[in-house]
PDB file of all heavy atoms in Angstrom:
ATOM      1  N   VAL A   1       0.829  -1.194  -0.084  1.00  0.00           N
ATOM      2  CA  VAL A   1      -0.024  -0.065   0.004  1.00  0.00           C
ATOM      3  C   VAL A   1       0.930   1.323   0.049  1.00  0.00           C
ATOM      4  O   VAL A   1       1.881   1.339   0.752  1.00  0.00           O
ATOM      5  CB  VAL A   1      -0.880   0.040   1.207  1.00  0.00           C
ATOM      6  CG1 VAL A   1      -1.729   1.304   1.326  1.00  0.00           C
ATOM      7  CG2 VAL A   1      -1.832  -1.203   1.167  1.00  0.00           C
ATOM      8  N   HIS A   2       0.456   2.139  -0.874  1.00  0.00           N
ATOM      9  CA  HIS A   2       1.386   3.445  -1.056  1.00  0.00           C
ATOM     10  C   HIS A   2       0.505   4.610  -1.042  1.00  0.00           C
ATOM     11  O   HIS A   2      -0.586   4.647  -1.652  1.00  0.00           O
ATOM     12  CB  HIS A   2       2.128   3.210  -2.405  1.00  0.00           C
ATOM     13  CG  HIS A   2       3.240   4.268  -2.490  1.00  0.00           C
ATOM     14  ND1 HIS A   2       4.329   4.182  -1.799  1.00  0.00           N
ATOM     15  CD2 HIS A   2       3.304   5.470  -3.203  1.00  0.00           C
ATOM     16  CE1 HIS A   2       5.202   5.274  -2.188  1.00  0.00           C
ATOM     17  NE2 HIS A   2       4.471   6.092  -3.046  1.00  0.00           N
ATOM     18  N   THR A   3       1.029   5.827  -0.543  1.00  0.00           N
ATOM     19  CA  THR A   3       0.368   6.986  -0.597  1.00  0.00           C
ATOM     20  C   THR A   3       1.056   7.835  -1.667  1.00  0.00           C
ATOM     21  O   THR A   3       2.333   8.168  -1.518  1.00  0.00           O
ATOM     22  CB  THR A   3       0.396   7.776   0.739  1.00  0.00           C
ATOM     23  OG1 THR A   3      -0.439   6.951   1.620  1.00  0.00           O
ATOM     24  CG2 THR A   3      -0.231   9.114   0.611  1.00  0.00           C
ATOM     25  N   PHE A   4       0.516   8.240  -2.693  1.00  0.00           N
ATOM     26  CA  PHE A   4       1.024   8.956  -3.784  1.00  0.00           C
ATOM     27  C   PHE A   4       0.956  10.431  -3.666  1.00  0.00           C
ATOM     28  O   PHE A   4      -0.164  10.830  -3.161  1.00  0.00           O
ATOM     29  CB  PHE A   4       0.495   8.576  -5.153  1.00  0.00           C
ATOM     30  CG  PHE A   4       0.606   7.159  -5.399  1.00  0.00           C
ATOM     31  CD1 PHE A   4      -0.440   6.208  -5.183  1.00  0.00           C
ATOM     32  CD2 PHE A   4       1.711   6.693  -6.146  1.00  0.00           C
ATOM     33  CE1 PHE A   4      -0.227   4.849  -5.390  1.00  0.00           C
ATOM     34  CE2 PHE A   4       1.956   5.305  -6.423  1.00  0.00           C
ATOM     35  CZ  PHE A   4       0.852   4.443  -6.144  1.00  0.00           C
ATOM     36  N   ARG A   5       1.915  11.191  -3.862  1.00  0.00           N
ATOM     37  CA  ARG A   5       1.942  12.617  -3.799  1.00  0.00           C
ATOM     38  C   ARG A   5       1.652  13.140  -5.292  1.00  0.00           C
ATOM     39  O   ARG A   5       2.211  12.951  -6.221  1.00  0.00           O
ATOM     40  CB  ARG A   5       3.254  13.218  -3.306  1.00  0.00           C
ATOM     41  CG  ARG A   5       3.636  12.802  -1.895  1.00  0.00           C
ATOM     42  CD  ARG A   5       5.003  13.323  -1.531  1.00  0.00           C
ATOM     43  NE  ARG A   5       5.216  13.022  -0.123  1.00  0.00           N
ATOM     44  CZ  ARG A   5       6.367  13.268   0.482  1.00  0.00           C
ATOM     45  NH1 ARG A   5       7.294  14.145   0.003  1.00  0.00           N
ATOM     46  NH2 ARG A   5       6.696  12.977   1.750  1.00  0.00           N
ATOM     47  N   GLY A   6       0.549  13.924  -5.293  1.00  0.00           N
ATOM     48  CA  GLY A   6       0.137  14.521  -6.563  1.00  0.00           C
ATOM     49  C   GLY A   6      -0.726  13.492  -7.300  1.00  0.00           C
ATOM     50  O   GLY A   6      -0.885  12.414  -6.843  1.00  0.00           O
ATOM     51  N   PRO A   7      -1.286  13.903  -8.453  1.00  0.00           N
ATOM     52  CA  PRO A   7      -2.139  12.940  -9.217  1.00  0.00           C
ATOM     53  C   PRO A   7      -1.414  11.844  -9.895  1.00  0.00           C
ATOM     54  O   PRO A   7      -0.318  11.924 -10.322  1.00  0.00           O
ATOM     55  CB  PRO A   7      -2.656  13.952 -10.359  1.00  0.00           C
ATOM     56  CG  PRO A   7      -1.638  15.008 -10.582  1.00  0.00           C
ATOM     57  CD  PRO A   7      -1.076  15.252  -9.082  1.00  0.00           C
ATOM     58  N   HIS A   8      -2.120  10.631  -9.691  1.00  0.00           N
ATOM     59  CA  HIS A   8      -1.450   9.319 -10.219  1.00  0.00           C
ATOM     60  C   HIS A   8      -2.650   8.608 -10.935  1.00  0.00           C
ATOM     61  O   HIS A   8      -3.699   8.606 -10.477  1.00  0.00           O
ATOM     62  CB  HIS A   8      -0.896   8.602  -9.237  1.00  0.00           C
ATOM     63  CG  HIS A   8       0.680   8.746  -8.990  1.00  0.00           C
ATOM     64  ND1 HIS A   8       1.158   9.819  -8.402  1.00  0.00           N
ATOM     65  CD2 HIS A   8       1.730   8.100  -9.411  1.00  0.00           C
ATOM     66  CE1 HIS A   8       2.551   9.737  -8.379  1.00  0.00           C
ATOM     67  NE2 HIS A   8       2.749   8.687  -9.021  1.00  0.00           N
ATOM     68  N   TRP A   9      -2.132   7.943 -11.918  1.00  0.00           N
ATOM     69  CA  TRP A   9      -3.035   7.042 -12.762  1.00  0.00           C
ATOM     70  C   TRP A   9      -2.526   5.623 -12.539  1.00  0.00           C
ATOM     71  O   TRP A   9      -1.475   5.341 -12.634  1.00  0.00           O
ATOM     72  CB  TRP A   9      -3.099   7.510 -14.211  1.00  0.00           C
ATOM     73  CG  TRP A   9      -3.884   8.736 -14.474  1.00  0.00           C
ATOM     74  CD1 TRP A   9      -5.165   8.740 -14.943  1.00  0.00           C
ATOM     75  CD2 TRP A   9      -3.567  10.026 -14.349  1.00  0.00           C
ATOM     76  NE1 TRP A   9      -5.579  10.078 -15.058  1.00  0.00           N
ATOM     77  CE2 TRP A   9      -4.654  10.836 -14.669  1.00  0.00           C
ATOM     78  CE3 TRP A   9      -2.364  10.716 -13.755  1.00  0.00           C
ATOM     79  CZ2 TRP A   9      -4.527  12.273 -14.632  1.00  0.00           C
ATOM     80  CZ3 TRP A   9      -2.352  12.017 -13.708  1.00  0.00           C
ATOM     81  CH2 TRP A   9      -3.415  12.783 -14.081  1.00  0.00           C
ATOM     82  N   CYS A  10      -3.502   4.691 -12.596  1.00  0.00           N
ATOM     83  CA  CYS A  10      -3.210   3.221 -12.539  1.00  0.00           C
ATOM     84  C   CYS A  10      -2.474   2.776 -13.797  1.00  0.00           C
ATOM     85  O   CYS A  10      -3.104   3.051 -14.828  1.00  0.00           O
ATOM     86  CB  CYS A  10      -4.449   2.524 -12.182  1.00  0.00           C
ATOM     87  SG  CYS A  10      -4.311   0.692 -12.296  1.00  0.00           S
ATOM     88  N   GLU A  11      -1.422   2.028 -13.647  1.00  0.00           N
ATOM     89  CA  GLU A  11      -0.679   1.679 -14.883  1.00  0.00           C
ATOM     90  C   GLU A  11      -1.320   0.348 -15.475  1.00  0.00           C
ATOM     91  O   GLU A  11      -0.781  -0.131 -16.407  1.00  0.00           O
ATOM     92  CB  GLU A  11       0.763   1.400 -14.503  1.00  0.00           C
ATOM     93  CG  GLU A  11       1.460   2.649 -14.195  1.00  0.00           C
ATOM     94  CD  GLU A  11       2.913   2.538 -13.647  1.00  0.00           C
ATOM     95  OE1 GLU A  11       3.654   1.667 -14.343  1.00  0.00           O
ATOM     96  OE2 GLU A  11       3.286   3.009 -12.671  1.00  0.00           O
ATOM     97  N   TYR A  12      -2.347  -0.157 -14.873  1.00  0.00           N
ATOM     98  CA  TYR A  12      -2.928  -1.350 -15.383  1.00  0.00           C
ATOM     99  C   TYR A  12      -4.286  -0.924 -16.206  1.00  0.00           C
ATOM    100  O   TYR A  12      -4.493  -1.399 -17.302  1.00  0.00           O
ATOM    101  CB  TYR A  12      -3.322  -2.288 -14.345  1.00  0.00           C
ATOM    102  CG  TYR A  12      -4.052  -3.553 -14.749  1.00  0.00           C
ATOM    103  CD1 TYR A  12      -3.381  -4.590 -15.321  1.00  0.00           C
ATOM    104  CD2 TYR A  12      -5.342  -3.719 -14.604  1.00  0.00           C
ATOM    105  CE1 TYR A  12      -3.978  -5.661 -15.839  1.00  0.00           C
ATOM    106  CE2 TYR A  12      -6.087  -4.912 -14.963  1.00  0.00           C
ATOM    107  CZ  TYR A  12      -5.323  -5.918 -15.664  1.00  0.00           C
ATOM    108  OH  TYR A  12      -5.894  -6.993 -16.121  1.00  0.00           O
ATOM    109  N   CYS A  13      -5.194  -0.141 -15.496  1.00  0.00           N
ATOM    110  CA  CYS A  13      -6.500   0.174 -16.193  1.00  0.00           C
ATOM    111  C   CYS A  13      -6.484   1.593 -16.659  1.00  0.00           C
ATOM    112  O   CYS A  13      -7.364   2.017 -17.371  1.00  0.00           O
ATOM    113  CB  CYS A  13      -7.600   0.016 -15.060  1.00  0.00           C
ATOM    114  SG  CYS A  13      -7.538   1.233 -13.677  1.00  0.00           S
ATOM    115  N   ALA A  14      -5.380   2.371 -16.406  1.00  0.00           N
ATOM    116  CA  ALA A  14      -5.185   3.747 -16.838  1.00  0.00           C
ATOM    117  C   ALA A  14      -6.181   4.784 -16.275  1.00  0.00           C
ATOM    118  O   ALA A  14      -6.377   5.880 -16.800  1.00  0.00           O
ATOM    119  CB  ALA A  14      -5.236   3.751 -18.424  1.00  0.00           C
ATOM    120  N   ASN A  15      -6.888   4.316 -15.223  1.00  0.00           N
ATOM    121  CA  ASN A  15      -7.926   5.296 -14.526  1.00  0.00           C
ATOM    122  C   ASN A  15      -7.144   6.000 -13.353  1.00  0.00           C
ATOM    123  O   ASN A  15      -6.238   5.604 -12.860  1.00  0.00           O
ATOM    124  CB  ASN A  15      -9.134   4.442 -14.131  1.00  0.00           C
ATOM    125  CG  ASN A  15      -9.968   3.958 -15.131  1.00  0.00           C
ATOM    126  OD1 ASN A  15     -10.188   4.680 -16.135  1.00  0.00           O
ATOM    127  ND2 ASN A  15     -10.544   2.732 -15.099  1.00  0.00           N
ATOM    128  N   PHE A  16      -7.840   7.135 -13.017  1.00  0.00           N
ATOM    129  CA  PHE A  16      -7.256   7.958 -11.969  1.00  0.00           C
ATOM    130  C   PHE A  16      -7.259   7.374 -10.682  1.00  0.00           C
ATOM    131  O   PHE A  16      -8.257   6.561 -10.306  1.00  0.00           O
ATOM    132  CB  PHE A  16      -8.034   9.423 -11.933  1.00  0.00           C
ATOM    133  CG  PHE A  16      -7.364  10.345 -10.993  1.00  0.00           C
ATOM    134  CD1 PHE A  16      -6.225  10.917 -11.309  1.00  0.00           C
ATOM    135  CD2 PHE A  16      -7.964  10.669  -9.799  1.00  0.00           C
ATOM    136  CE1 PHE A  16      -5.646  11.875 -10.527  1.00  0.00           C
ATOM    137  CE2 PHE A  16      -7.445  11.460  -8.953  1.00  0.00           C
ATOM    138  CZ  PHE A  16      -6.274  12.168  -9.322  1.00  0.00           C
ATOM    139  N   MET A  17      -6.344   7.607  -9.767  1.00  0.00           N
ATOM    140  CA  MET A  17      -6.338   7.044  -8.416  1.00  0.00           C
ATOM    141  C   MET A  17      -6.897   8.104  -7.495  1.00  0.00           C
ATOM    142  O   MET A  17      -6.208   9.157  -7.237  1.00  0.00           O
ATOM    143  CB  MET A  17      -4.907   6.627  -7.977  1.00  0.00           C
ATOM    144  CG  MET A  17      -4.223   5.480  -8.694  1.00  0.00           C
ATOM    145  SD  MET A  17      -2.711   5.025  -8.098  1.00  0.00           S
ATOM    146  CE  MET A  17      -2.245   3.559  -8.965  1.00  0.00           C
ATOM    147  N   TRP A  18      -8.028   7.829  -6.977  1.00  0.00           N
ATOM    148  CA  TRP A  18      -8.754   8.767  -6.149  1.00  0.00           C
ATOM    149  C   TRP A  18      -8.210   8.731  -4.715  1.00  0.00           C
ATOM    150  O   TRP A  18      -7.946   7.606  -4.170  1.00  0.00           O
ATOM    151  CB  TRP A  18     -10.273   8.566  -6.277  1.00  0.00           C
ATOM    152  CG  TRP A  18     -10.788   8.860  -7.664  1.00  0.00           C
ATOM    153  CD1 TRP A  18     -11.090   8.070  -8.614  1.00  0.00           C
ATOM    154  CD2 TRP A  18     -11.056  10.247  -8.233  1.00  0.00           C
ATOM    155  NE1 TRP A  18     -11.598   8.700  -9.772  1.00  0.00           N
ATOM    156  CE2 TRP A  18     -11.544  10.046  -9.460  1.00  0.00           C
ATOM    157  CE3 TRP A  18     -11.010  11.546  -7.700  1.00  0.00           C
ATOM    158  CZ2 TRP A  18     -11.907  11.037 -10.447  1.00  0.00           C
ATOM    159  CZ3 TRP A  18     -11.467  12.648  -8.548  1.00  0.00           C
ATOM    160  CH2 TRP A  18     -11.811  12.302  -9.901  1.00  0.00           C
ATOM    161  N   GLY A  19      -8.412   9.862  -3.912  1.00  0.00           N
ATOM    162  CA  GLY A  19      -8.153   9.879  -2.567  1.00  0.00           C
ATOM    163  C   GLY A  19      -6.897  10.621  -2.180  1.00  0.00           C
ATOM    164  O   GLY A  19      -6.133  11.015  -3.077  1.00  0.00           O
ATOM    165  N   LEU A  20      -6.796  10.851  -0.837  1.00  0.00           N
ATOM    166  CA  LEU A  20      -5.697  11.634  -0.408  1.00  0.00           C
ATOM    167  C   LEU A  20      -4.513  10.781   0.196  1.00  0.00           C
ATOM    168  O   LEU A  20      -3.320  11.104   0.042  1.00  0.00           O
ATOM    169  CB  LEU A  20      -6.036  12.631   0.716  1.00  0.00           C
ATOM    170  CG  LEU A  20      -7.216  13.612   0.287  1.00  0.00           C
ATOM    171  CD1 LEU A  20      -7.656  14.481   1.472  1.00  0.00           C
ATOM    172  CD2 LEU A  20      -6.511  14.542  -0.751  1.00  0.00           C
ATOM    173  N   ILE A  21      -4.889   9.547   0.766  1.00  0.00           N
ATOM    174  CA  ILE A  21      -3.802   8.701   1.188  1.00  0.00           C
ATOM    175  C   ILE A  21      -4.173   7.207   0.858  1.00  0.00           C
ATOM    176  O   ILE A  21      -5.258   6.979   0.465  1.00  0.00           O
ATOM    177  CB  ILE A  21      -3.772   8.748   2.721  1.00  0.00           C
ATOM    178  CG1 ILE A  21      -5.071   8.389   3.417  1.00  0.00           C
ATOM    179  CG2 ILE A  21      -3.314  10.095   3.204  1.00  0.00           C
ATOM    180  CD1 ILE A  21      -4.964   8.201   4.843  1.00  0.00           C
ATOM    181  N   ALA A  22      -3.147   6.458   0.822  1.00  0.00           N
ATOM    182  CA  ALA A  22      -3.280   5.073   0.362  1.00  0.00           C
ATOM    183  C   ALA A  22      -4.138   4.904  -0.917  1.00  0.00           C
ATOM    184  O   ALA A  22      -5.137   3.980  -0.934  1.00  0.00           O
ATOM    185  CB  ALA A  22      -3.838   4.219   1.574  1.00  0.00           C
ATOM    186  N   GLN A  23      -3.867   5.617  -1.871  1.00  0.00           N
ATOM    187  CA  GLN A  23      -4.746   5.547  -3.099  1.00  0.00           C
ATOM    188  C   GLN A  23      -4.605   4.190  -3.939  1.00  0.00           C
ATOM    189  O   GLN A  23      -5.381   3.797  -4.741  1.00  0.00           O
ATOM    190  CB  GLN A  23      -4.330   6.682  -4.127  1.00  0.00           C
ATOM    191  CG  GLN A  23      -4.428   8.073  -3.378  1.00  0.00           C
ATOM    192  CD  GLN A  23      -3.116   8.615  -2.879  1.00  0.00           C
ATOM    193  OE1 GLN A  23      -2.271   7.839  -2.447  1.00  0.00           O
ATOM    194  NE2 GLN A  23      -2.896   9.917  -3.106  1.00  0.00           N
ATOM    195  N   GLY A  24      -3.479   3.627  -3.670  1.00  0.00           N
ATOM    196  CA  GLY A  24      -3.195   2.394  -4.491  1.00  0.00           C
ATOM    197  C   GLY A  24      -2.058   1.522  -3.934  1.00  0.00           C
ATOM    198  O   GLY A  24      -1.672   1.774  -2.753  1.00  0.00           O
ATOM    199  N   VAL A  25      -1.412   0.737  -4.725  1.00  0.00           N
ATOM    200  CA  VAL A  25      -0.297  -0.063  -4.212  1.00  0.00           C
ATOM    201  C   VAL A  25       0.864   0.030  -5.294  1.00  0.00           C
ATOM    202  O   VAL A  25       0.627   0.458  -6.473  1.00  0.00           O
ATOM    203  CB  VAL A  25      -0.646  -1.523  -4.197  1.00  0.00           C
ATOM    204  CG1 VAL A  25      -1.565  -1.820  -3.024  1.00  0.00           C
ATOM    205  CG2 VAL A  25      -1.248  -2.145  -5.538  1.00  0.00           C
ATOM    206  N   ARG A  26       2.025  -0.126  -4.713  1.00  0.00           N
ATOM    207  CA  ARG A  26       3.284  -0.049  -5.634  1.00  0.00           C
ATOM    208  C   ARG A  26       4.067  -1.266  -5.388  1.00  0.00           C
ATOM    209  O   ARG A  26       4.263  -1.766  -4.214  1.00  0.00           O
ATOM    210  CB  ARG A  26       4.104   1.309  -5.237  1.00  0.00           C
ATOM    211  CG  ARG A  26       5.469   1.310  -5.774  1.00  0.00           C
ATOM    212  CD  ARG A  26       6.220   2.570  -5.489  1.00  0.00           C
ATOM    213  NE  ARG A  26       5.696   3.657  -6.319  1.00  0.00           N
ATOM    214  CZ  ARG A  26       6.087   4.993  -6.230  1.00  0.00           C
ATOM    215  NH1 ARG A  26       7.031   5.286  -5.298  1.00  0.00           N
ATOM    216  NH2 ARG A  26       5.561   5.861  -6.980  1.00  0.00           N
ATOM    217  N   CYS A  27       4.611  -1.824  -6.464  1.00  0.00           N
ATOM    218  CA  CYS A  27       5.474  -2.953  -6.405  1.00  0.00           C
ATOM    219  C   CYS A  27       6.873  -2.381  -5.936  1.00  0.00           C
ATOM    220  O   CYS A  27       7.519  -1.509  -6.616  1.00  0.00           O
ATOM    221  CB  CYS A  27       5.722  -3.668  -7.712  1.00  0.00           C
ATOM    222  SG  CYS A  27       6.778  -5.029  -7.822  1.00  0.00           S
ATOM    223  N   SER A  28       7.357  -2.969  -4.811  1.00  0.00           N
ATOM    224  CA  SER A  28       8.571  -2.444  -4.194  1.00  0.00           C
ATOM    225  C   SER A  28       9.853  -2.922  -5.004  1.00  0.00           C
ATOM    226  O   SER A  28      10.907  -2.556  -4.852  1.00  0.00           O
ATOM    227  CB  SER A  28       8.706  -2.894  -2.722  1.00  0.00           C
ATOM    228  OG  SER A  28       8.647  -4.293  -2.669  1.00  0.00           O
ATOM    229  N   ASP A  29       9.615  -3.969  -5.948  1.00  0.00           N
ATOM    230  CA  ASP A  29      10.761  -4.470  -6.723  1.00  0.00           C
ATOM    231  C   ASP A  29      10.915  -3.741  -8.099  1.00  0.00           C
ATOM    232  O   ASP A  29      11.985  -3.637  -8.540  1.00  0.00           O
ATOM    233  CB  ASP A  29      10.538  -5.942  -7.006  1.00  0.00           C
ATOM    234  CG  ASP A  29      10.620  -6.701  -5.677  1.00  0.00           C
ATOM    235  OD1 ASP A  29      11.394  -6.223  -4.708  1.00  0.00           O
ATOM    236  OD2 ASP A  29      10.089  -7.788  -5.637  1.00  0.00           O
ATOM    237  N   CYS A  30       9.757  -3.453  -8.796  1.00  0.00           N
ATOM    238  CA  CYS A  30       9.865  -2.836 -10.081  1.00  0.00           C
ATOM    239  C   CYS A  30       9.163  -1.461 -10.193  1.00  0.00           C
ATOM    240  O   CYS A  30       9.365  -0.729 -11.128  1.00  0.00           O
ATOM    241  CB  CYS A  30       9.183  -3.720 -11.158  1.00  0.00           C
ATOM    242  SG  CYS A  30       7.419  -3.816 -11.022  1.00  0.00           S
ATOM    243  N   GLY A  31       8.512  -1.023  -9.158  1.00  0.00           N
ATOM    244  CA  GLY A  31       7.854   0.308  -9.111  1.00  0.00           C
ATOM    245  C   GLY A  31       6.504   0.423  -9.773  1.00  0.00           C
ATOM    246  O   GLY A  31       5.992   1.616 -10.056  1.00  0.00           O
ATOM    247  N   LEU A  32       5.843  -0.698 -10.204  1.00  0.00           N
ATOM    248  CA  LEU A  32       4.645  -0.577 -10.796  1.00  0.00           C
ATOM    249  C   LEU A  32       3.452  -0.010  -9.918  1.00  0.00           C
ATOM    250  O   LEU A  32       3.420  -0.505  -8.664  1.00  0.00           O
ATOM    251  CB  LEU A  32       4.128  -1.981 -11.309  1.00  0.00           C
ATOM    252  CG  LEU A  32       2.815  -2.074 -12.097  1.00  0.00           C
ATOM    253  CD1 LEU A  32       3.003  -1.420 -13.544  1.00  0.00           C
ATOM    254  CD2 LEU A  32       2.444  -3.484 -12.305  1.00  0.00           C
ATOM    255  N   ASN A  33       2.784   0.988 -10.390  1.00  0.00           N
ATOM    256  CA  ASN A  33       1.744   1.643  -9.536  1.00  0.00           C
ATOM    257  C   ASN A  33       0.253   1.245 -10.120  1.00  0.00           C
ATOM    258  O   ASN A  33       0.038   1.566 -11.322  1.00  0.00           O
ATOM    259  CB  ASN A  33       1.846   3.139  -9.579  1.00  0.00           C
ATOM    260  CG  ASN A  33       3.240   3.588  -9.224  1.00  0.00           C
ATOM    261  OD1 ASN A  33       3.704   3.137  -8.144  1.00  0.00           O
ATOM    262  ND2 ASN A  33       3.800   4.447  -9.803  1.00  0.00           N
ATOM    263  N   VAL A  34      -0.500   0.585  -9.275  1.00  0.00           N
ATOM    264  CA  VAL A  34      -1.878   0.210  -9.692  1.00  0.00           C
ATOM    265  C   VAL A  34      -2.826   0.408  -8.493  1.00  0.00           C
ATOM    266  O   VAL A  34      -2.468   0.537  -7.308  1.00  0.00           O
ATOM    267  CB  VAL A  34      -1.828  -1.248 -10.188  1.00  0.00           C
ATOM    268  CG1 VAL A  34      -0.980  -1.376 -11.427  1.00  0.00           C
ATOM    269  CG2 VAL A  34      -1.477  -2.244  -9.056  1.00  0.00           C
ATOM    270  N   HIS A  35      -4.257   0.386  -8.868  1.00  0.00           N
ATOM    271  CA  HIS A  35      -5.153   0.318  -7.874  1.00  0.00           C
ATOM    272  C   HIS A  35      -5.064  -0.962  -7.095  1.00  0.00           C
ATOM    273  O   HIS A  35      -4.622  -2.026  -7.631  1.00  0.00           O
ATOM    274  CB  HIS A  35      -6.627   0.363  -8.570  1.00  0.00           C
ATOM    275  CG  HIS A  35      -6.962   1.615  -9.094  1.00  0.00           C
ATOM    276  ND1 HIS A  35      -7.124   1.705 -10.415  1.00  0.00           N
ATOM    277  CD2 HIS A  35      -7.245   2.799  -8.539  1.00  0.00           C
ATOM    278  CE1 HIS A  35      -7.495   3.002 -10.719  1.00  0.00           C
ATOM    279  NE2 HIS A  35      -7.539   3.751  -9.480  1.00  0.00           N
ATOM    280  N   LYS A  36      -5.587  -1.058  -5.895  1.00  0.00           N
ATOM    281  CA  LYS A  36      -5.500  -2.296  -5.046  1.00  0.00           C
ATOM    282  C   LYS A  36      -6.286  -3.410  -5.701  1.00  0.00           C
ATOM    283  O   LYS A  36      -5.827  -4.558  -5.749  1.00  0.00           O
ATOM    284  CB  LYS A  36      -6.108  -2.013  -3.643  1.00  0.00           C
ATOM    285  CG  LYS A  36      -5.869  -3.220  -2.610  1.00  0.00           C
ATOM    286  CD  LYS A  36      -6.280  -2.767  -1.352  1.00  0.00           C
ATOM    287  CE  LYS A  36      -6.191  -3.961  -0.314  1.00  0.00           C
ATOM    288  NZ  LYS A  36      -6.614  -3.611   0.993  1.00  0.00           N
ATOM    289  N   GLN A  37      -7.505  -3.151  -6.270  1.00  0.00           N
ATOM    290  CA  GLN A  37      -8.239  -4.069  -6.950  1.00  0.00           C
ATOM    291  C   GLN A  37      -7.536  -4.613  -8.280  1.00  0.00           C
ATOM    292  O   GLN A  37      -7.632  -5.740  -8.541  1.00  0.00           O
ATOM    293  CB  GLN A  37      -9.671  -3.510  -7.286  1.00  0.00           C
ATOM    294  CG  GLN A  37     -10.493  -3.344  -6.122  1.00  0.00           C
ATOM    295  CD  GLN A  37     -10.705  -4.633  -5.254  1.00  0.00           C
ATOM    296  OE1 GLN A  37     -10.975  -5.675  -5.805  1.00  0.00           O
ATOM    297  NE2 GLN A  37     -10.634  -4.517  -4.001  1.00  0.00           N
ATOM    298  N   CYS A  38      -6.928  -3.633  -8.945  1.00  0.00           N
ATOM    299  CA  CYS A  38      -6.225  -3.905 -10.227  1.00  0.00           C
ATOM    300  C   CYS A  38      -5.147  -4.928  -9.928  1.00  0.00           C
ATOM    301  O   CYS A  38      -4.676  -5.747 -10.815  1.00  0.00           O
ATOM    302  CB  CYS A  38      -5.765  -2.787 -10.929  1.00  0.00           C
ATOM    303  SG  CYS A  38      -7.126  -1.726 -11.610  1.00  0.00           S
ATOM    304  N   SER A  39      -4.489  -4.725  -8.760  1.00  0.00           N
ATOM    305  CA  SER A  39      -3.285  -5.669  -8.416  1.00  0.00           C
ATOM    306  C   SER A  39      -3.510  -7.163  -8.511  1.00  0.00           C
ATOM    307  O   SER A  39      -2.744  -7.975  -8.649  1.00  0.00           O
ATOM    308  CB  SER A  39      -2.730  -5.368  -7.087  1.00  0.00           C
ATOM    309  OG  SER A  39      -3.716  -5.594  -6.044  1.00  0.00           O
ATOM    310  N   LYS A  40      -4.890  -7.397  -8.310  1.00  0.00           N
ATOM    311  CA  LYS A  40      -5.237  -8.877  -8.394  1.00  0.00           C
ATOM    312  C   LYS A  40      -5.292  -9.460  -9.704  1.00  0.00           C
ATOM    313  O   LYS A  40      -5.412 -10.670  -9.951  1.00  0.00           O
ATOM    314  CB  LYS A  40      -6.616  -9.058  -7.724  1.00  0.00           C
ATOM    315  CG  LYS A  40      -6.788  -8.586  -6.351  1.00  0.00           C
ATOM    316  CD  LYS A  40      -8.191  -8.675  -5.841  1.00  0.00           C
ATOM    317  CE  LYS A  40      -8.301  -8.103  -4.419  1.00  0.00           C
ATOM    318  NZ  LYS A  40      -9.824  -8.208  -3.986  1.00  0.00           N
ATOM    319  N   HIS A  41      -5.283  -8.562 -10.775  1.00  0.00           N
ATOM    320  CA  HIS A  41      -5.348  -9.061 -12.235  1.00  0.00           C
ATOM    321  C   HIS A  41      -4.061  -8.759 -12.989  1.00  0.00           C
ATOM    322  O   HIS A  41      -4.023  -9.197 -14.092  1.00  0.00           O
ATOM    323  CB  HIS A  41      -6.539  -8.168 -12.923  1.00  0.00           C
ATOM    324  CG  HIS A  41      -7.805  -8.313 -12.198  1.00  0.00           C
ATOM    325  ND1 HIS A  41      -8.587  -9.454 -12.165  1.00  0.00           N
ATOM    326  CD2 HIS A  41      -8.506  -7.371 -11.497  1.00  0.00           C
ATOM    327  CE1 HIS A  41      -9.684  -9.223 -11.395  1.00  0.00           C
ATOM    328  NE2 HIS A  41      -9.641  -7.985 -10.988  1.00  0.00           N
ATOM    329  N   VAL A  42      -3.081  -8.198 -12.363  1.00  0.00           N
ATOM    330  CA  VAL A  42      -1.754  -7.916 -12.950  1.00  0.00           C
ATOM    331  C   VAL A  42      -1.123  -9.211 -13.163  1.00  0.00           C
ATOM    332  O   VAL A  42      -0.992 -10.039 -12.228  1.00  0.00           O
ATOM    333  CB  VAL A  42      -0.937  -6.998 -12.184  1.00  0.00           C
ATOM    334  CG1 VAL A  42       0.434  -6.728 -12.757  1.00  0.00           C
ATOM    335  CG2 VAL A  42      -1.621  -5.608 -12.020  1.00  0.00           C
ATOM    336  N   PRO A  43      -0.603  -9.583 -14.362  1.00  0.00           N
ATOM    337  CA  PRO A  43       0.172 -10.723 -14.741  1.00  0.00           C
ATOM    338  C   PRO A  43       1.445 -10.860 -13.844  1.00  0.00           C
ATOM    339  O   PRO A  43       1.908  -9.698 -13.439  1.00  0.00           O
ATOM    340  CB  PRO A  43       0.412 -10.729 -16.125  1.00  0.00           C
ATOM    341  CG  PRO A  43       0.213  -9.317 -16.567  1.00  0.00           C
ATOM    342  CD  PRO A  43      -0.688  -8.618 -15.623  1.00  0.00           C
ATOM    343  N   ASN A  44       2.025 -12.122 -13.720  1.00  0.00           N
ATOM    344  CA  ASN A  44       3.233 -12.210 -13.027  1.00  0.00           C
ATOM    345  C   ASN A  44       4.440 -11.807 -14.012  1.00  0.00           C
ATOM    346  O   ASN A  44       5.236 -12.725 -14.312  1.00  0.00           O
ATOM    347  CB  ASN A  44       3.405 -13.693 -12.487  1.00  0.00           C
ATOM    348  CG  ASN A  44       2.224 -14.084 -11.614  1.00  0.00           C
ATOM    349  OD1 ASN A  44       1.739 -13.193 -10.842  1.00  0.00           O
ATOM    350  ND2 ASN A  44       1.899 -15.345 -11.544  1.00  0.00           N
ATOM    351  N   ASP A  45       4.508 -10.566 -14.217  1.00  0.00           N
ATOM    352  CA  ASP A  45       5.542 -10.038 -15.182  1.00  0.00           C
ATOM    353  C   ASP A  45       6.596  -9.160 -14.561  1.00  0.00           C
ATOM    354  O   ASP A  45       7.041  -8.237 -15.231  1.00  0.00           O
ATOM    355  CB  ASP A  45       4.922  -9.526 -16.409  1.00  0.00           C
ATOM    356  CG  ASP A  45       3.977  -8.352 -16.087  1.00  0.00           C
ATOM    357  OD1 ASP A  45       3.798  -8.010 -14.957  1.00  0.00           O
ATOM    358  OD2 ASP A  45       3.483  -7.777 -17.053  1.00  0.00           O
TER     359      ASP A  45
END
């Protein structure tokens, strides 16, 4: 879970990440930023 500073878009569905804190999740290994729900559908790549 990650709090993004400034506007951010999900790199999976390309939709805006709403909210002020904990708007989504970030992969600590590659830096991919996605919605929490979208993270369930991201391939193992």
